[in-house]
Full PDB file with SEQRES, HELIX, SHEET, SSBOND, CRYST1, ORIGX, SCALE, CONECT and MASTER records, all heavy atoms in Angstrom:
SEQRES   1 A   39  ARG ALA PHE LYS PRO MET TRP HIS GLY GLY SER GLU ALA          
SEQRES   2 A   39  GLU ARG ALA ARG ALA ALA GLU THR VAL THR GLY LEU LEU          
SEQRES   3 A   39  THR LEU MET SER ASN GLU MET LYS GLY PRO PHE LEU PHE          
HELIX    1 AA1 LYS A    4  TRP A    7  1                                   4    
HELIX    2 AA2 GLU A   12  ASN A   31  1                                  20    
CRYST1    1.000    1.000    1.000  90.00  90.00  90.00 P 1           1          
ORIGX1      1.000000  0.000000  0.000000        0.00000                         
ORIGX2      0.000000  1.000000  0.000000        0.00000                         
ORIGX3      0.000000  0.000000  1.000000        0.00000                         
SCALE1      1.000000  0.000000  0.000000        0.00000                         
SCALE2      0.000000  1.000000  0.000000        0.00000                         
SCALE3      0.000000  0.000000  1.000000        0.00000                         
ATOM      1  N   ARG A   1     -50.644  -0.245 -66.078  1.00  0.00           N  
ATOM      2  CA  ARG A   1     -49.880   0.444 -65.073  1.00  0.00           C  
ATOM      3  C   ARG A   1     -48.955  -0.643 -64.276  1.00  0.00           C  
ATOM      4  O   ARG A   1     -47.772  -0.230 -63.978  1.00  0.00           O  
ATOM      5  CB  ARG A   1     -50.798   0.976 -63.958  1.00  0.00           C  
ATOM      6  CG  ARG A   1     -50.099   1.884 -62.930  1.00  0.00           C  
ATOM      7  CD  ARG A   1     -51.087   2.511 -62.029  1.00  0.00           C  
ATOM      8  NE  ARG A   1     -51.806   1.523 -61.245  1.00  0.00           N  
ATOM      9  CZ  ARG A   1     -52.624   1.848 -60.363  1.00  0.00           C  
ATOM     10  NH1 ARG A   1     -52.918   3.091 -60.011  1.00  0.00           N  
ATOM     11  NH2 ARG A   1     -53.163   0.844 -59.560  1.00  0.00           N  
ATOM     12  N   ALA A   2     -49.371  -1.843 -64.230  1.00  0.00           N  
ATOM     13  CA  ALA A   2     -48.685  -2.861 -63.532  1.00  0.00           C  
ATOM     14  C   ALA A   2     -47.236  -3.136 -64.183  1.00  0.00           C  
ATOM     15  O   ALA A   2     -46.258  -3.671 -63.531  1.00  0.00           O  
ATOM     16  CB  ALA A   2     -49.394  -4.130 -63.344  1.00  0.00           C  
ATOM     17  N   PHE A   3     -47.123  -2.795 -65.470  1.00  0.00           N  
ATOM     18  CA  PHE A   3     -45.918  -3.104 -66.188  1.00  0.00           C  
ATOM     19  C   PHE A   3     -44.772  -1.970 -65.997  1.00  0.00           C  
ATOM     20  O   PHE A   3     -43.677  -2.127 -66.420  1.00  0.00           O  
ATOM     21  CB  PHE A   3     -46.105  -3.103 -67.696  1.00  0.00           C  
ATOM     22  CG  PHE A   3     -46.694  -4.418 -68.223  1.00  0.00           C  
ATOM     23  CD1 PHE A   3     -48.014  -4.686 -68.323  1.00  0.00           C  
ATOM     24  CD2 PHE A   3     -45.811  -5.514 -68.519  1.00  0.00           C  
ATOM     25  CE1 PHE A   3     -48.508  -5.869 -68.777  1.00  0.00           C  
ATOM     26  CE2 PHE A   3     -46.281  -6.672 -68.963  1.00  0.00           C  
ATOM     27  CZ  PHE A   3     -47.627  -6.895 -69.103  1.00  0.00           C  
ATOM     28  N   LYS A   4     -45.061  -0.990 -65.306  1.00  0.00           N  
ATOM     29  CA  LYS A   4     -44.249   0.258 -65.149  1.00  0.00           C  
ATOM     30  C   LYS A   4     -42.871  -0.164 -64.702  1.00  0.00           C  
ATOM     31  O   LYS A   4     -41.786   0.206 -65.330  1.00  0.00           O  
ATOM     32  CB  LYS A   4     -44.844   1.185 -64.221  1.00  0.00           C  
ATOM     33  CG  LYS A   4     -44.034   2.543 -64.221  1.00  0.00           C  
ATOM     34  CD  LYS A   4     -44.830   3.609 -63.478  1.00  0.00           C  
ATOM     35  CE  LYS A   4     -44.094   4.931 -63.596  1.00  0.00           C  
ATOM     36  NZ  LYS A   4     -44.797   6.093 -62.908  1.00  0.00           N  
ATOM     37  N   PRO A   5     -42.651  -1.058 -63.659  1.00  0.00           N  
ATOM     38  CA  PRO A   5     -41.209  -1.461 -63.359  1.00  0.00           C  
ATOM     39  C   PRO A   5     -40.435  -2.094 -64.314  1.00  0.00           C  
ATOM     40  O   PRO A   5     -39.188  -1.979 -64.398  1.00  0.00           O  
ATOM     41  CB  PRO A   5     -41.430  -2.296 -62.096  1.00  0.00           C  
ATOM     42  CG  PRO A   5     -42.830  -2.027 -61.526  1.00  0.00           C  
ATOM     43  CD  PRO A   5     -43.691  -1.663 -62.772  1.00  0.00           C  
ATOM     44  N   MET A   6     -41.152  -2.758 -65.240  1.00  0.00           N  
ATOM     45  CA  MET A   6     -40.400  -3.476 -66.367  1.00  0.00           C  
ATOM     46  C   MET A   6     -40.009  -2.491 -67.472  1.00  0.00           C  
ATOM     47  O   MET A   6     -38.872  -2.714 -67.946  1.00  0.00           O  
ATOM     48  CB  MET A   6     -41.441  -4.463 -66.997  1.00  0.00           C  
ATOM     49  CG  MET A   6     -41.782  -5.556 -65.888  1.00  0.00           C  
ATOM     50  SD  MET A   6     -43.007  -6.696 -66.507  1.00  0.00           S  
ATOM     51  CE  MET A   6     -43.535  -7.518 -64.954  1.00  0.00           C  
ATOM     52  N   TRP A   7     -40.666  -1.480 -67.669  1.00  0.00           N  
ATOM     53  CA  TRP A   7     -40.314  -0.559 -68.671  1.00  0.00           C  
ATOM     54  C   TRP A   7     -39.387   0.515 -68.171  1.00  0.00           C  
ATOM     55  O   TRP A   7     -38.614   1.154 -68.957  1.00  0.00           O  
ATOM     56  CB  TRP A   7     -41.549   0.117 -69.328  1.00  0.00           C  
ATOM     57  CG  TRP A   7     -42.403  -0.639 -70.209  1.00  0.00           C  
ATOM     58  CD1 TRP A   7     -43.690  -1.185 -69.987  1.00  0.00           C  
ATOM     59  CD2 TRP A   7     -42.073  -1.169 -71.518  1.00  0.00           C  
ATOM     60  NE1 TRP A   7     -44.088  -1.913 -71.095  1.00  0.00           N  
ATOM     61  CE2 TRP A   7     -43.105  -1.864 -71.946  1.00  0.00           C  
ATOM     62  CE3 TRP A   7     -40.945  -1.043 -72.349  1.00  0.00           C  
ATOM     63  CZ2 TRP A   7     -43.105  -2.464 -73.246  1.00  0.00           C  
ATOM     64  CZ3 TRP A   7     -40.901  -1.643 -73.630  1.00  0.00           C  
ATOM     65  CH2 TRP A   7     -42.055  -2.351 -74.032  1.00  0.00           C  
ATOM     66  N   HIS A   8     -39.439   0.784 -66.981  1.00  0.00           N  
ATOM     67  CA  HIS A   8     -38.779   1.963 -66.398  1.00  0.00           C  
ATOM     68  C   HIS A   8     -37.679   1.605 -65.358  1.00  0.00           C  
ATOM     69  O   HIS A   8     -37.536   2.260 -64.278  1.00  0.00           O  
ATOM     70  CB  HIS A   8     -39.730   3.052 -65.864  1.00  0.00           C  
ATOM     71  CG  HIS A   8     -40.667   3.456 -66.930  1.00  0.00           C  
ATOM     72  ND1 HIS A   8     -40.271   4.330 -67.888  1.00  0.00           N  
ATOM     73  CD2 HIS A   8     -41.963   3.227 -67.099  1.00  0.00           C  
ATOM     74  CE1 HIS A   8     -41.257   4.597 -68.656  1.00  0.00           C  
ATOM     75  NE2 HIS A   8     -42.370   3.906 -68.206  1.00  0.00           N  
ATOM     76  N   GLY A   9     -36.892   0.485 -65.605  1.00  0.00           N  
ATOM     77  CA  GLY A   9     -35.733   0.157 -64.799  1.00  0.00           C  
ATOM     78  C   GLY A   9     -36.020  -0.164 -63.429  1.00  0.00           C  
ATOM     79  O   GLY A   9     -35.183   0.197 -62.542  1.00  0.00           O  
ATOM     80  N   GLY A  10     -37.104  -0.875 -63.049  1.00  0.00           N  
ATOM     81  CA  GLY A  10     -37.301  -1.335 -61.710  1.00  0.00           C  
ATOM     82  C   GLY A  10     -36.269  -2.288 -61.260  1.00  0.00           C  
ATOM     83  O   GLY A  10     -35.619  -2.971 -62.129  1.00  0.00           O  
ATOM     84  N   SER A  11     -36.103  -2.460 -59.948  1.00  0.00           N  
ATOM     85  CA  SER A  11     -35.209  -3.455 -59.371  1.00  0.00           C  
ATOM     86  C   SER A  11     -35.709  -4.921 -59.739  1.00  0.00           C  
ATOM     87  O   SER A  11     -36.790  -5.053 -60.108  1.00  0.00           O  
ATOM     88  CB  SER A  11     -35.124  -3.243 -57.850  1.00  0.00           C  
ATOM     89  OG  SER A  11     -36.291  -3.624 -57.299  1.00  0.00           O  
ATOM     90  N   GLU A  12     -34.817  -5.831 -59.504  1.00  0.00           N  
ATOM     91  CA  GLU A  12     -35.243  -7.249 -59.725  1.00  0.00           C  
ATOM     92  C   GLU A  12     -36.502  -7.560 -58.930  1.00  0.00           C  
ATOM     93  O   GLU A  12     -37.459  -8.225 -59.341  1.00  0.00           O  
ATOM     94  CB  GLU A  12     -34.160  -8.131 -59.448  1.00  0.00           C  
ATOM     95  CG  GLU A  12     -34.290  -9.564 -60.062  1.00  0.00           C  
ATOM     96  CD  GLU A  12     -33.070 -10.435 -59.862  1.00  0.00           C  
ATOM     97  OE1 GLU A  12     -31.933  -9.887 -60.022  1.00  0.00           O  
ATOM     98  OE2 GLU A  12     -33.261 -11.669 -59.627  1.00  0.00           O  
ATOM     99  N   ALA A  13     -36.485  -7.140 -57.612  1.00  0.00           N  
ATOM    100  CA  ALA A  13     -37.568  -7.416 -56.658  1.00  0.00           C  
ATOM    101  C   ALA A  13     -38.918  -6.746 -57.129  1.00  0.00           C  
ATOM    102  O   ALA A  13     -39.966  -7.302 -57.144  1.00  0.00           O  
ATOM    103  CB  ALA A  13     -37.296  -7.051 -55.317  1.00  0.00           C  
ATOM    104  N   GLU A  14     -38.816  -5.499 -57.715  1.00  0.00           N  
ATOM    105  CA  GLU A  14     -39.936  -4.726 -58.139  1.00  0.00           C  
ATOM    106  C   GLU A  14     -40.454  -5.364 -59.455  1.00  0.00           C  
ATOM    107  O   GLU A  14     -41.746  -5.592 -59.572  1.00  0.00           O  
ATOM    108  CB  GLU A  14     -39.582  -3.285 -58.440  1.00  0.00           C  
ATOM    109  CG  GLU A  14     -39.262  -2.399 -57.206  1.00  0.00           C  
ATOM    110  CD  GLU A  14     -38.718  -1.131 -57.525  1.00  0.00           C  
ATOM    111  OE1 GLU A  14     -37.978  -1.016 -58.519  1.00  0.00           O  
ATOM    112  OE2 GLU A  14     -38.941  -0.193 -56.737  1.00  0.00           O  
ATOM    113  N   ARG A  15     -39.607  -5.832 -60.279  1.00  0.00           N  
ATOM    114  CA  ARG A  15     -40.026  -6.490 -61.450  1.00  0.00           C  
ATOM    115  C   ARG A  15     -40.745  -7.905 -61.152  1.00  0.00           C  
ATOM    116  O   ARG A  15     -41.731  -8.247 -61.740  1.00  0.00           O  
ATOM    117  CB  ARG A  15     -38.827  -6.755 -62.495  1.00  0.00           C  
ATOM    118  CG  ARG A  15     -38.363  -5.330 -62.987  1.00  0.00           C  
ATOM    119  CD  ARG A  15     -36.855  -5.580 -63.598  1.00  0.00           C  
ATOM    120  NE  ARG A  15     -36.857  -6.435 -64.706  1.00  0.00           N  
ATOM    121  CZ  ARG A  15     -36.849  -6.086 -65.978  1.00  0.00           C  
ATOM    122  NH1 ARG A  15     -36.893  -4.817 -66.312  1.00  0.00           N  
ATOM    123  NH2 ARG A  15     -36.764  -6.984 -66.958  1.00  0.00           N  
ATOM    124  N   ALA A  16     -40.185  -8.550 -60.178  1.00  0.00           N  
ATOM    125  CA  ALA A  16     -40.809  -9.909 -59.811  1.00  0.00           C  
ATOM    126  C   ALA A  16     -42.293  -9.609 -59.287  1.00  0.00           C  
ATOM    127  O   ALA A  16     -43.123 -10.396 -59.591  1.00  0.00           O  
ATOM    128  CB  ALA A  16     -39.878 -10.557 -58.808  1.00  0.00           C  
ATOM    129  N   ARG A  17     -42.375  -8.558 -58.434  1.00  0.00           N  
ATOM    130  CA  ARG A  17     -43.593  -8.264 -57.864  1.00  0.00           C  
ATOM    131  C   ARG A  17     -44.683  -7.831 -58.979  1.00  0.00           C  
ATOM    132  O   ARG A  17     -45.871  -8.144 -58.931  1.00  0.00           O  
ATOM    133  CB  ARG A  17     -43.626  -7.173 -56.829  1.00  0.00           C  
ATOM    134  CG  ARG A  17     -43.174  -7.612 -55.405  1.00  0.00           C  
ATOM    135  CD  ARG A  17     -43.399  -6.590 -54.368  1.00  0.00           C  
ATOM    136  NE  ARG A  17     -42.744  -5.333 -54.639  1.00  0.00           N  
ATOM    137  CZ  ARG A  17     -41.500  -5.025 -54.341  1.00  0.00           C  
ATOM    138  NH1 ARG A  17     -40.690  -5.962 -53.672  1.00  0.00           N  
ATOM    139  NH2 ARG A  17     -40.909  -3.800 -54.533  1.00  0.00           N  
ATOM    140  N   ALA A  18     -44.119  -7.027 -59.955  1.00  0.00           N  
ATOM    141  CA  ALA A  18     -44.916  -6.662 -61.082  1.00  0.00           C  
ATOM    142  C   ALA A  18     -45.416  -7.780 -61.936  1.00  0.00           C  
ATOM    143  O   ALA A  18     -46.568  -7.883 -62.308  1.00  0.00           O  
ATOM    144  CB  ALA A  18     -44.152  -5.704 -61.948  1.00  0.00           C  
ATOM    145  N   ALA A  19     -44.481  -8.742 -62.143  1.00  0.00           N  
ATOM    146  CA  ALA A  19     -44.798  -9.998 -62.859  1.00  0.00           C  
ATOM    147  C   ALA A  19     -45.981 -10.746 -62.229  1.00  0.00           C  
ATOM    148  O   ALA A  19     -46.979 -11.239 -62.830  1.00  0.00           O  
ATOM    149  CB  ALA A  19     -43.725 -10.743 -63.129  1.00  0.00           C  
ATOM    150  N   GLU A  20     -45.897 -10.877 -60.894  1.00  0.00           N  
ATOM    151  CA  GLU A  20     -46.876 -11.575 -60.156  1.00  0.00           C  
ATOM    152  C   GLU A  20     -48.254 -10.842 -60.189  1.00  0.00           C  
ATOM    153  O   GLU A  20     -49.292 -11.466 -60.409  1.00  0.00           O  
ATOM    154  CB  GLU A  20     -46.452 -11.629 -58.681  1.00  0.00           C  
ATOM    155  CG  GLU A  20     -47.283 -12.619 -57.824  1.00  0.00           C  
ATOM    156  CD  GLU A  20     -46.692 -12.718 -56.419  1.00  0.00           C  
ATOM    157  OE1 GLU A  20     -45.399 -12.808 -56.308  1.00  0.00           O  
ATOM    158  OE2 GLU A  20     -47.429 -12.664 -55.509  1.00  0.00           O  
ATOM    159  N   THR A  21     -48.183  -9.464 -60.147  1.00  0.00           N  
ATOM    160  CA  THR A  21     -49.417  -8.734 -60.243  1.00  0.00           C  
ATOM    161  C   THR A  21     -50.049  -8.901 -61.630  1.00  0.00           C  
ATOM    162  O   THR A  21     -51.260  -9.096 -61.740  1.00  0.00           O  
ATOM    163  CB  THR A  21     -49.145  -7.250 -60.100  1.00  0.00           C  
ATOM    164  OG1 THR A  21     -48.587  -7.057 -58.682  1.00  0.00           O  
ATOM    165  CG2 THR A  21     -50.399  -6.397 -60.220  1.00  0.00           C  
ATOM    166  N   VAL A  22     -49.214  -8.843 -62.725  1.00  0.00           N  
ATOM    167  CA  VAL A  22     -49.762  -8.911 -64.094  1.00  0.00           C  
ATOM    168  C   VAL A  22     -50.373 -10.295 -64.219  1.00  0.00           C  
ATOM    169  O   VAL A  22     -51.512 -10.425 -64.761  1.00  0.00           O  
ATOM    170  CB  VAL A  22     -48.658  -8.707 -65.126  1.00  0.00           C  
ATOM    171  CG1 VAL A  22     -49.113  -9.176 -66.491  1.00  0.00           C  
ATOM    172  CG2 VAL A  22     -48.216  -7.318 -65.080  1.00  0.00           C  
ATOM    173  N   THR A  23     -49.792 -11.391 -63.735  1.00  0.00           N  
ATOM    174  CA  THR A  23     -50.384 -12.688 -63.906  1.00  0.00           C  
ATOM    175  C   THR A  23     -51.661 -12.845 -63.195  1.00  0.00           C  
ATOM    176  O   THR A  23     -52.683 -13.330 -63.696  1.00  0.00           O  
ATOM    177  CB  THR A  23     -49.348 -13.794 -63.336  1.00  0.00           C  
ATOM    178  OG1 THR A  23     -48.114 -13.686 -64.080  1.00  0.00           O  
ATOM    179  CG2 THR A  23     -49.913 -15.170 -63.412  1.00  0.00           C  
ATOM    180  N   GLY A  24     -51.678 -12.199 -61.959  1.00  0.00           N  
ATOM    181  CA  GLY A  24     -52.911 -12.238 -61.259  1.00  0.00           C  
ATOM    182  C   GLY A  24     -54.044 -11.487 -61.911  1.00  0.00           C  
ATOM    183  O   GLY A  24     -55.279 -12.054 -61.998  1.00  0.00           O  
ATOM    184  N   LEU A  25     -53.759 -10.450 -62.526  1.00  0.00           N  
ATOM    185  CA  LEU A  25     -54.803  -9.583 -63.292  1.00  0.00           C  
ATOM    186  C   LEU A  25     -55.294 -10.327 -64.433  1.00  0.00           C  
ATOM    187  O   LEU A  25     -56.473 -10.237 -64.822  1.00  0.00           O  
ATOM    188  CB  LEU A  25     -54.198  -8.201 -63.589  1.00  0.00           C  
ATOM    189  CG  LEU A  25     -53.871  -7.315 -62.415  1.00  0.00           C  
ATOM    190  CD1 LEU A  25     -53.052  -6.090 -62.855  1.00  0.00           C  
ATOM    191  CD2 LEU A  25     -55.228  -6.797 -61.758  1.00  0.00           C  
ATOM    192  N   LEU A  26     -54.320 -10.921 -65.179  1.00  0.00           N  
ATOM    193  CA  LEU A  26     -54.719 -11.624 -66.395  1.00  0.00           C  
ATOM    194  C   LEU A  26     -55.485 -12.901 -66.011  1.00  0.00           C  
ATOM    195  O   LEU A  26     -56.491 -13.275 -66.763  1.00  0.00           O  
ATOM    196  CB  LEU A  26     -53.451 -12.070 -67.230  1.00  0.00           C  
ATOM    197  CG  LEU A  26     -52.708 -10.977 -67.906  1.00  0.00           C  
ATOM    198  CD1 LEU A  26     -51.394 -11.431 -68.426  1.00  0.00           C  
ATOM    199  CD2 LEU A  26     -53.558 -10.362 -68.990  1.00  0.00           C  
ATOM    200  N   THR A  27     -55.297 -13.491 -64.920  1.00  0.00           N  
ATOM    201  CA  THR A  27     -56.096 -14.603 -64.452  1.00  0.00           C  
ATOM    202  C   THR A  27     -57.489 -14.195 -64.185  1.00  0.00           C  
ATOM    203  O   THR A  27     -58.481 -14.839 -64.534  1.00  0.00           O  
ATOM    204  CB  THR A  27     -55.347 -15.317 -63.265  1.00  0.00           C  
ATOM    205  OG1 THR A  27     -54.104 -15.743 -63.588  1.00  0.00           O  
ATOM    206  CG2 THR A  27     -56.133 -16.442 -62.657  1.00  0.00           C  
ATOM    207  N   LEU A  28     -57.590 -13.035 -63.465  1.00  0.00           N  
ATOM    208  CA  LEU A  28     -58.935 -12.455 -63.144  1.00  0.00           C  
ATOM    209  C   LEU A  28     -59.725 -12.287 -64.495  1.00  0.00           C  
ATOM    210  O   LEU A  28     -60.925 -12.604 -64.534  1.00  0.00           O  
ATOM    211  CB  LEU A  28     -58.716 -11.212 -62.438  1.00  0.00           C  
ATOM    212  CG  LEU A  28     -59.960 -10.504 -61.889  1.00  0.00           C  
ATOM    213  CD1 LEU A  28     -60.580 -11.341 -60.871  1.00  0.00           C  
ATOM    214  CD2 LEU A  28     -59.590  -9.198 -61.244  1.00  0.00           C  
ATOM    215  N   MET A  29     -59.106 -11.679 -65.414  1.00  0.00           N  
ATOM    216  CA  MET A  29     -59.736 -11.395 -66.701  1.00  0.00           C  
ATOM    217  C   MET A  29     -60.060 -12.809 -67.496  1.00  0.00           C  
ATOM    218  O   MET A  29     -61.147 -12.817 -68.013  1.00  0.00           O  
ATOM    219  CB  MET A  29     -58.853 -10.514 -67.629  1.00  0.00           C  
ATOM    220  CG  MET A  29     -58.717  -9.157 -67.162  1.00  0.00           C  
ATOM    221  SD  MET A  29     -58.000  -8.047 -68.452  1.00  0.00           S  
ATOM    222  CE  MET A  29     -59.509  -7.705 -69.391  1.00  0.00           C  
ATOM    223  N   SER A  30     -59.201 -13.670 -67.435  1.00  0.00           N  
ATOM    224  CA  SER A  30     -59.472 -14.951 -68.156  1.00  0.00           C  
ATOM    225  C   SER A  30     -60.617 -15.680 -67.509  1.00  0.00           C  
ATOM    226  O   SER A  30     -61.456 -16.333 -68.334  1.00  0.00           O  
ATOM    227  CB  SER A  30     -58.249 -15.854 -68.118  1.00  0.00           C  
ATOM    228  OG  SER A  30     -57.877 -16.375 -66.933  1.00  0.00           O  
ATOM    229  N   ASN A  31     -60.790 -15.491 -66.175  1.00  0.00           N  
ATOM    230  CA  ASN A  31     -61.922 -16.153 -65.552  1.00  0.00           C  
ATOM    231  C   ASN A  31     -63.329 -15.604 -65.909  1.00  0.00           C  
ATOM    232  O   ASN A  31     -64.372 -16.146 -65.785  1.00  0.00           O  
ATOM    233  CB  ASN A  31     -61.762 -16.086 -63.948  1.00  0.00           C  
ATOM    234  CG  ASN A  31     -60.675 -16.940 -63.545  1.00  0.00           C  
ATOM    235  OD1 ASN A  31     -60.272 -17.889 -64.203  1.00  0.00           O  
ATOM    236  ND2 ASN A  31     -60.193 -16.623 -62.314  1.00  0.00           N  
ATOM    237  N   GLU A  32     -63.285 -14.375 -66.538  1.00  0.00           N  
ATOM    238  CA  GLU A  32     -64.449 -13.763 -66.925  1.00  0.00           C  
ATOM    239  C   GLU A  32     -64.731 -13.649 -68.473  1.00  0.00           C  
ATOM    240  O   GLU A  32     -65.638 -13.088 -68.984  1.00  0.00           O  
ATOM    241  CB  GLU A  32     -64.476 -12.245 -66.415  1.00  0.00           C  
ATOM    242  CG  GLU A  32     -64.380 -12.173 -64.886  1.00  0.00           C  
ATOM    243  CD  GLU A  32     -64.474 -10.761 -64.307  1.00  0.00           C  
ATOM    244  OE1 GLU A  32     -64.289  -9.827 -65.138  1.00  0.00           O  
ATOM    245  OE2 GLU A  32     -64.401 -10.637 -63.150  1.00  0.00           O  
ATOM    246  N   MET A  33     -63.816 -14.322 -69.160  1.00  0.00           N  
ATOM    247  CA  MET A  33     -63.929 -14.361 -70.649  1.00  0.00           C  
ATOM    248  C   MET A  33     -65.379 -15.132 -71.031  1.00  0.00           C  
ATOM    249  O   MET A  33     -65.666 -16.121 -70.352  1.00  0.00           O  
ATOM    250  CB  MET A  33     -62.844 -15.075 -71.266  1.00  0.00           C  
ATOM    251  CG  MET A  33     -61.500 -14.289 -71.224  1.00  0.00           C  
ATOM    252  SD  MET A  33     -60.056 -15.106 -71.805  1.00  0.00           S  
ATOM    253  CE  MET A  33     -60.506 -15.398 -73.600  1.00  0.00           C  
ATOM    254  N   LYS A  34     -65.932 -14.532 -72.117  1.00  0.00           N  
ATOM    255  CA  LYS A  34     -67.178 -15.167 -72.566  1.00  0.00           C  
ATOM    256  C   LYS A  34     -67.131 -15.998 -73.731  1.00  0.00           C  
ATOM    257  O   LYS A  34     -68.084 -16.452 -74.331  1.00  0.00           O  
ATOM    258  CB  LYS A  34     -68.248 -13.993 -72.868  1.00  0.00           C  
ATOM    259  CG  LYS A  34     -68.441 -13.032 -71.762  1.00  0.00           C  
ATOM    260  CD  LYS A  34     -69.209 -13.641 -70.602  1.00  0.00           C  
ATOM    261  CE  LYS A  34     -69.660 -12.496 -69.609  1.00  0.00           C  
ATOM    262  NZ  LYS A  34     -68.585 -12.099 -68.750  1.00  0.00           N  
ATOM    263  N   GLY A  35     -65.807 -16.309 -74.063  1.00  0.00           N  
ATOM    264  CA  GLY A  35     -65.623 -17.158 -75.295  1.00  0.00           C  
ATOM    265  C   GLY A  35     -64.043 -17.097 -75.644  1.00  0.00           C  
ATOM    266  O   GLY A  35     -63.260 -16.781 -74.686  1.00  0.00           O  
ATOM    267  N   PRO A  36     -63.708 -17.353 -76.827  1.00  0.00           N  
ATOM    268  CA  PRO A  36     -62.283 -17.261 -77.204  1.00  0.00           C  
ATOM    269  C   PRO A  36     -61.758 -15.885 -77.035  1.00  0.00           C  
ATOM    270  O   PRO A  36     -60.490 -15.650 -76.998  1.00  0.00           O  
ATOM    271  CB  PRO A  36     -62.261 -17.722 -78.692  1.00  0.00           C  
ATOM    272  CG  PRO A  36     -63.662 -17.637 -79.269  1.00  0.00           C  
ATOM    273  CD  PRO A  36     -64.571 -17.757 -78.000  1.00  0.00           C  
ATOM    274  N   PHE A  37     -62.651 -14.861 -77.201  1.00  0.00           N  
ATOM    275  CA  PHE A  37     -62.259 -13.520 -76.868  1.00  0.00           C  
ATOM    276  C   PHE A  37     -62.981 -13.022 -75.560  1.00  0.00           C  
ATOM    277  O   PHE A  37     -63.783 -13.721 -75.076  1.00  0.00           O  
ATOM    278  CB  PHE A  37     -62.608 -12.545 -78.086  1.00  0.00           C  
ATOM    279  CG  PHE A  37     -61.809 -12.985 -79.317  1.00  0.00           C  
ATOM    280  CD1 PHE A  37     -62.354 -13.686 -80.332  1.00  0.00           C  
ATOM    281  CD2 PHE A  37     -60.416 -12.552 -79.405  1.00  0.00           C  
ATOM    282  CE1 PHE A  37     -61.674 -13.981 -81.466  1.00  0.00           C  
ATOM    283  CE2 PHE A  37     -59.730 -13.010 -80.514  1.00  0.00           C  
ATOM    284  CZ  PHE A  37     -60.354 -13.668 -81.540  1.00  0.00           C  
ATOM    285  N   LEU A  38     -62.737 -11.766 -75.169  1.00  0.00           N  
ATOM    286  CA  LEU A  38     -63.267 -11.244 -73.887  1.00  0.00           C  
ATOM    287  C   LEU A  38     -64.710 -11.336 -73.842  1.00  0.00           C  
ATOM    288  O   LEU A  38     -65.359 -11.749 -72.907  1.00  0.00           O  
ATOM    289  CB  LEU A  38     -62.788  -9.858 -73.602  1.00  0.00           C  
ATOM    290  CG  LEU A  38     -61.392  -9.640 -73.207  1.00  0.00           C  
ATOM    291  CD1 LEU A  38     -61.028  -8.091 -73.134  1.00  0.00           C  
ATOM    292  CD2 LEU A  38     -61.022 -10.378 -71.963  1.00  0.00           C  
ATOM    293  N   PHE A  39     -65.447 -10.996 -74.966  1.00  0.00           N  
ATOM    294  CA  PHE A  39     -66.897 -10.875 -74.936  1.00  0.00           C  
ATOM    295  C   PHE A  39     -67.626 -11.952 -75.820  1.00  0.00           C  
ATOM    296  O   PHE A  39     -68.758 -11.810 -76.075  1.00  0.00           O  
ATOM    297  CB  PHE A  39     -67.385  -9.473 -75.401  1.00  0.00           C  
ATOM    298  CG  PHE A  39     -66.880  -8.406 -74.410  1.00  0.00           C  
ATOM    299  CD1 PHE A  39     -65.834  -7.529 -74.708  1.00  0.00           C  
ATOM    300  CD2 PHE A  39     -67.469  -8.292 -73.200  1.00  0.00           C  
ATOM    301  CE1 PHE A  39     -65.371  -6.689 -73.785  1.00  0.00           C  
ATOM    302  CE2 PHE A  39     -67.129  -7.210 -72.220  1.00  0.00           C  
ATOM    303  CZ  PHE A  39     -66.036  -6.490 -72.606  1.00  0.00           C  
TER     304      PHE A  39                                                      
MASTER        0    0    0    2    0    0    0    6  303    1    0    3          
END                                                                             
């Protein structure tokens, strides 16, 4: 869902906020990885 502004013509500011959100969510997931893959 966080990618929506990038696919659907969000403003530059909306895209920048979306990118920050995506990076944060991916960081959260990477911190919980159990190996080279998620589990």
